[in-house]
Amino acid sequence: MSRVSRTKLKEIKKEFITLMAKPENKENRMRFFVIDERFHKLLNEKCKN
């Protein structure tokens, strides 16, 4: 996996927040965070972090 610059990460974060703030995404917001939490847990287990 290649490295991502801080500037790019900030840009991605800003776009993500804008996307999640849209009314049509309100219903899916909680589901996304549950999936994201599970993904990070799995990633940490596989990478031994």
PDB file of N, CA and C in Angstrom:
ATOM      1  N   MET A   1       0.844  -1.170   0.000  1.00  0.00           N
ATOM      2  CA  MET A   1       0.000   0.000   0.000  1.00  0.00           C
ATOM      3  C   MET A   1       0.894   1.241   0.000  1.00  0.00           C
ATOM      4  N   SER A   2       0.641   2.148  -0.899  1.00  0.00           N
ATOM      5  CA  SER A   2       1.473   3.345  -0.994  1.00  0.00           C
ATOM      6  C   SER A   2       1.098   4.367   0.075  1.00  0.00           C
ATOM      7  N   ARG A   3       2.036   5.249   0.360  1.00  0.00           N
ATOM      8  CA  ARG A   3       1.802   6.302   1.356  1.00  0.00           C
ATOM      9  C   ARG A   3       0.948   7.404   0.761  1.00  0.00           C
ATOM     10  N   VAL A   4       0.202   8.063   1.633  1.00  0.00           N
ATOM     11  CA  VAL A   4      -0.661   9.167   1.225  1.00  0.00           C
ATOM     12  C   VAL A   4      -0.213  10.405   1.991  1.00  0.00           C
ATOM     13  N   SER A   5      -0.093  11.516   1.290  1.00  0.00           N
ATOM     14  CA  SER A   5       0.359  12.751   1.935  1.00  0.00           C
ATOM     15  C   SER A   5      -0.700  13.283   2.895  1.00  0.00           C
ATOM     16  N   ARG A   6      -0.257  14.088   3.846  1.00  0.00           N
ATOM     17  CA  ARG A   6      -1.188  14.701   4.803  1.00  0.00           C
ATOM     18  C   ARG A   6      -2.196  15.584   4.083  1.00  0.00           C
ATOM     19  N   THR A   7      -1.728  16.292   3.073  1.00  0.00           N
ATOM     20  CA  THR A   7      -2.616  17.171   2.309  1.00  0.00           C
ATOM     21  C   THR A   7      -3.729  16.361   1.663  1.00  0.00           C
ATOM     22  N   LYS A   8      -3.366  15.227   1.082  1.00  0.00           N
ATOM     23  CA  LYS A   8      -4.362  14.365   0.437  1.00  0.00           C
ATOM     24  C   LYS A   8      -5.322  13.790   1.475  1.00  0.00           C
ATOM     25  N   LEU A   9      -4.804  13.407   2.633  1.00  0.00           N
ATOM     26  CA  LEU A   9      -5.670  12.884   3.697  1.00  0.00           C
ATOM     27  C   LEU A   9      -6.669  13.933   4.162  1.00  0.00           C
ATOM     28  N   LYS A  10      -6.219  15.165   4.302  1.00  0.00           N
ATOM     29  CA  LYS A  10      -7.120  16.245   4.710  1.00  0.00           C
ATOM     30  C   LYS A  10      -8.199  16.469   3.659  1.00  0.00           C
ATOM     31  N   GLU A  11      -7.812  16.371   2.398  1.00  0.00           N
ATOM     32  CA  GLU A  11      -8.772  16.536   1.296  1.00  0.00           C
ATOM     33  C   GLU A  11      -9.812  15.413   1.328  1.00  0.00           C
ATOM     34  N   ILE A  12      -9.349  14.196   1.534  1.00  0.00           N
ATOM     35  CA  ILE A  12     -10.248  13.038   1.606  1.00  0.00           C
ATOM     36  C   ILE A  12     -11.199  13.188   2.795  1.00  0.00           C
ATOM     37  N   LYS A  13     -10.667  13.618   3.939  1.00  0.00           N
ATOM     38  CA  LYS A  13     -11.494  13.814   5.135  1.00  0.00           C
ATOM     39  C   LYS A  13     -12.590  14.842   4.877  1.00  0.00           C
ATOM     40  N   LYS A  14     -12.218  15.945   4.248  1.00  0.00           N
ATOM     41  CA  LYS A  14     -13.182  17.008   3.955  1.00  0.00           C
ATOM     42  C   LYS A  14     -14.294  16.491   3.039  1.00  0.00           C
ATOM     43  N   GLU A  15     -13.905  15.746   1.996  1.00  0.00           N
ATOM     44  CA  GLU A  15     -14.888  15.181   1.065  1.00  0.00           C
ATOM     45  C   GLU A  15     -15.788  14.169   1.774  1.00  0.00           C
ATOM     46  N   PHE A  16     -15.207  13.369   2.658  1.00  0.00           N
ATOM     47  CA  PHE A  16     -15.971  12.365   3.394  1.00  0.00           C
ATOM     48  C   PHE A  16     -17.006  13.025   4.302  1.00  0.00           C
ATOM     49  N   ILE A  17     -16.588  14.058   5.020  1.00  0.00           N
ATOM     50  CA  ILE A  17     -17.504  14.765   5.924  1.00  0.00           C
ATOM     51  C   ILE A  17     -18.648  15.383   5.133  1.00  0.00           C
ATOM     52  N   THR A  18     -18.330  15.956   3.982  1.00  0.00           N
ATOM     53  CA  THR A  18     -19.360  16.541   3.120  1.00  0.00           C
ATOM     54  C   THR A  18     -20.344  15.464   2.665  1.00  0.00           C
ATOM     55  N   LEU A  19     -19.818  14.319   2.273  1.00  0.00           N
ATOM     56  CA  LEU A  19     -20.658  13.209   1.821  1.00  0.00           C
ATOM     57  C   LEU A  19     -21.571  12.712   2.942  1.00  0.00           C
ATOM     58  N   MET A  20     -21.032  12.524   4.133  1.00  0.00           N
ATOM     59  CA  MET A  20     -21.814  12.022   5.260  1.00  0.00           C
ATOM     60  C   MET A  20     -22.845  13.038   5.751  1.00  0.00           C
ATOM     61  N   ALA A  21     -22.623  14.307   5.490  1.00  0.00           N
ATOM     62  CA  ALA A  21     -23.539  15.352   5.952  1.00  0.00           C
ATOM     63  C   ALA A  21     -24.795  15.455   5.087  1.00  0.00           C
ATOM     64  N   LYS A  22     -24.771  14.864   3.913  1.00  0.00           N
ATOM     65  CA  LYS A  22     -25.928  14.940   3.018  1.00  0.00           C
ATOM     66  C   LYS A  22     -27.110  14.195   3.635  1.00  0.00           C
ATOM     67  N   PRO A  23     -28.296  14.797   3.565  1.00  0.00           N
ATOM     68  CA  PRO A  23     -29.488  14.171   4.171  1.00  0.00           C
ATOM     69  C   PRO A  23     -29.749  12.748   3.672  1.00  0.00           C
ATOM     70  N   GLU A  24     -29.496  12.494   2.402  1.00  0.00           N
ATOM     71  CA  GLU A  24     -29.777  11.156   1.865  1.00  0.00           C
ATOM     72  C   GLU A  24     -28.836  10.094   2.432  1.00  0.00           C
ATOM     73  N   ASN A  25     -27.742  10.492   3.052  1.00  0.00           N
ATOM     74  CA  ASN A  25     -26.799   9.537   3.639  1.00  0.00           C
ATOM     75  C   ASN A  25     -27.007   9.340   5.136  1.00  0.00           C
ATOM     76  N   LYS A  26     -27.932  10.074   5.704  1.00  0.00           N
ATOM     77  CA  LYS A  26     -28.159  10.010   7.155  1.00  0.00           C
ATOM     78  C   LYS A  26     -28.477   8.586   7.610  1.00  0.00           C
ATOM     79  N   GLU A  27     -29.314   7.896   6.852  1.00  0.00           N
ATOM     80  CA  GLU A  27     -29.715   6.537   7.204  1.00  0.00           C
ATOM     81  C   GLU A  27     -28.541   5.567   7.178  1.00  0.00           C
ATOM     82  N   ASN A  28     -27.639   5.752   6.231  1.00  0.00           N
ATOM     83  CA  ASN A  28     -26.520   4.829   6.056  1.00  0.00           C
ATOM     84  C   ASN A  28     -25.316   5.154   6.933  1.00  0.00           C
ATOM     85  N   ARG A  29     -25.343   6.305   7.567  1.00  0.00           N
ATOM     86  CA  ARG A  29     -24.186   6.768   8.347  1.00  0.00           C
ATOM     87  C   ARG A  29     -23.790   5.766   9.428  1.00  0.00           C
ATOM     88  N   MET A  30     -24.735   5.337  10.218  1.00  0.00           N
ATOM     89  CA  MET A  30     -24.427   4.427  11.322  1.00  0.00           C
ATOM     90  C   MET A  30     -23.915   3.093  10.794  1.00  0.00           C
ATOM     91  N   ARG A  31     -24.523   2.597   9.755  1.00  0.00           N
ATOM     92  CA  ARG A  31     -24.098   1.332   9.153  1.00  0.00           C
ATOM     93  C   ARG A  31     -22.654   1.435   8.671  1.00  0.00           C
ATOM     94  N   PHE A  32     -22.310   2.561   8.064  1.00  0.00           N
ATOM     95  CA  PHE A  32     -20.952   2.762   7.572  1.00  0.00           C
ATOM     96  C   PHE A  32     -19.942   2.681   8.717  1.00  0.00           C
ATOM     97  N   PHE A  33     -20.238   3.353   9.833  1.00  0.00           N
ATOM     98  CA  PHE A  33     -19.283   3.376  10.939  1.00  0.00           C
ATOM     99  C   PHE A  33     -19.129   2.007  11.591  1.00  0.00           C
ATOM    100  N   VAL A  34     -20.174   1.206  11.607  1.00  0.00           N
ATOM    101  CA  VAL A  34     -20.071  -0.157  12.133  1.00  0.00           C
ATOM    102  C   VAL A  34     -19.165  -0.981  11.228  1.00  0.00           C
ATOM    103  N   ILE A  35     -19.359  -0.881   9.923  1.00  0.00           N
ATOM    104  CA  ILE A  35     -18.517  -1.602   8.960  1.00  0.00           C
ATOM    105  C   ILE A  35     -17.076  -1.120   9.068  1.00  0.00           C
ATOM    106  N   ASP A  36     -16.881   0.199   9.174  1.00  0.00           N
ATOM    107  CA  ASP A  36     -15.547   0.778   9.278  1.00  0.00           C
ATOM    108  C   ASP A  36     -14.830   0.267  10.525  1.00  0.00           C
ATOM    109  N   GLU A  37     -15.548   0.192  11.630  1.00  0.00           N
ATOM    110  CA  GLU A  37     -14.955  -0.298  12.884  1.00  0.00           C
ATOM    111  C   GLU A  37     -14.519  -1.754  12.732  1.00  0.00           C
ATOM    112  N   ARG A  38     -15.354  -2.568  12.118  1.00  0.00           N
ATOM    113  CA  ARG A  38     -15.014  -3.984  11.904  1.00  0.00           C
ATOM    114  C   ARG A  38     -13.814  -4.121  10.973  1.00  0.00           C
ATOM    115  N   PHE A  39     -13.753  -3.276   9.941  1.00  0.00           N
ATOM    116  CA  PHE A  39     -12.640  -3.306   8.996  1.00  0.00           C
ATOM    117  C   PHE A  39     -11.327  -2.983   9.713  1.00  0.00           C
ATOM    118  N   HIS A  40     -11.329  -1.949  10.541  1.00  0.00           N
ATOM    119  CA  HIS A  40     -10.114  -1.569  11.263  1.00  0.00           C
ATOM    120  C   HIS A  40      -9.673  -2.666  12.230  1.00  0.00           C
ATOM    121  N   LYS A  41     -10.632  -3.303  12.866  1.00  0.00           N
ATOM    122  CA  LYS A  41     -10.307  -4.395  13.787  1.00  0.00           C
ATOM    123  C   LYS A  41      -9.651  -5.544  13.024  1.00  0.00           C
ATOM    124  N   LEU A  42     -10.218  -5.906  11.895  1.00  0.00           N
ATOM    125  CA  LEU A  42      -9.666  -6.974  11.070  1.00  0.00           C
ATOM    126  C   LEU A  42      -8.281  -6.595  10.553  1.00  0.00           C
ATOM    127  N   LEU A  43      -8.134  -5.376  10.079  1.00  0.00           N
ATOM    128  CA  LEU A  43      -6.853  -4.902   9.565  1.00  0.00           C
ATOM    129  C   LEU A  43      -5.783  -4.959  10.657  1.00  0.00           C
ATOM    130  N   ASN A  44      -6.124  -4.540  11.855  1.00  0.00           N
ATOM    131  CA  ASN A  44      -5.175  -4.575  12.968  1.00  0.00           C
ATOM    132  C   ASN A  44      -4.779  -6.003  13.328  1.00  0.00           C
ATOM    133  N   GLU A  45      -5.732  -6.921  13.271  1.00  0.00           N
ATOM    134  CA  GLU A  45      -5.430  -8.320  13.572  1.00  0.00           C
ATOM    135  C   GLU A  45      -4.497  -8.908  12.522  1.00  0.00           C
ATOM    136  N   LYS A  46      -4.757  -8.619  11.260  1.00  0.00           N
ATOM    137  CA  LYS A  46      -3.958  -9.171  10.163  1.00  0.00           C
ATOM    138  C   LYS A  46      -2.568  -8.554  10.095  1.00  0.00           C
ATOM    139  N   CYS A  47      -2.456  -7.288  10.474  1.00  0.00           N
ATOM    140  CA  CYS A  47      -1.169  -6.579  10.391  1.00  0.00           C
ATOM    141  C   CYS A  47      -0.409  -6.611  11.711  1.00  0.00           C
ATOM    142  N   LYS A  48      -1.011  -7.228  12.725  1.00  0.00           N
ATOM    143  CA  LYS A  48      -0.405  -7.333  14.056  1.00  0.00           C
ATOM    144  C   LYS A  48      -0.072  -5.969  14.649  1.00  0.00           C
ATOM    145  N   ASN A  49      -0.978  -5.006  14.474  1.00  0.00           N
ATOM    146  CA  ASN A  49      -0.777  -3.656  15.034  1.00  0.00           C
ATOM    147  C   ASN A  49      -1.414  -3.549  16.396  1.00  0.00           C
TER     148      ASN A  49
END
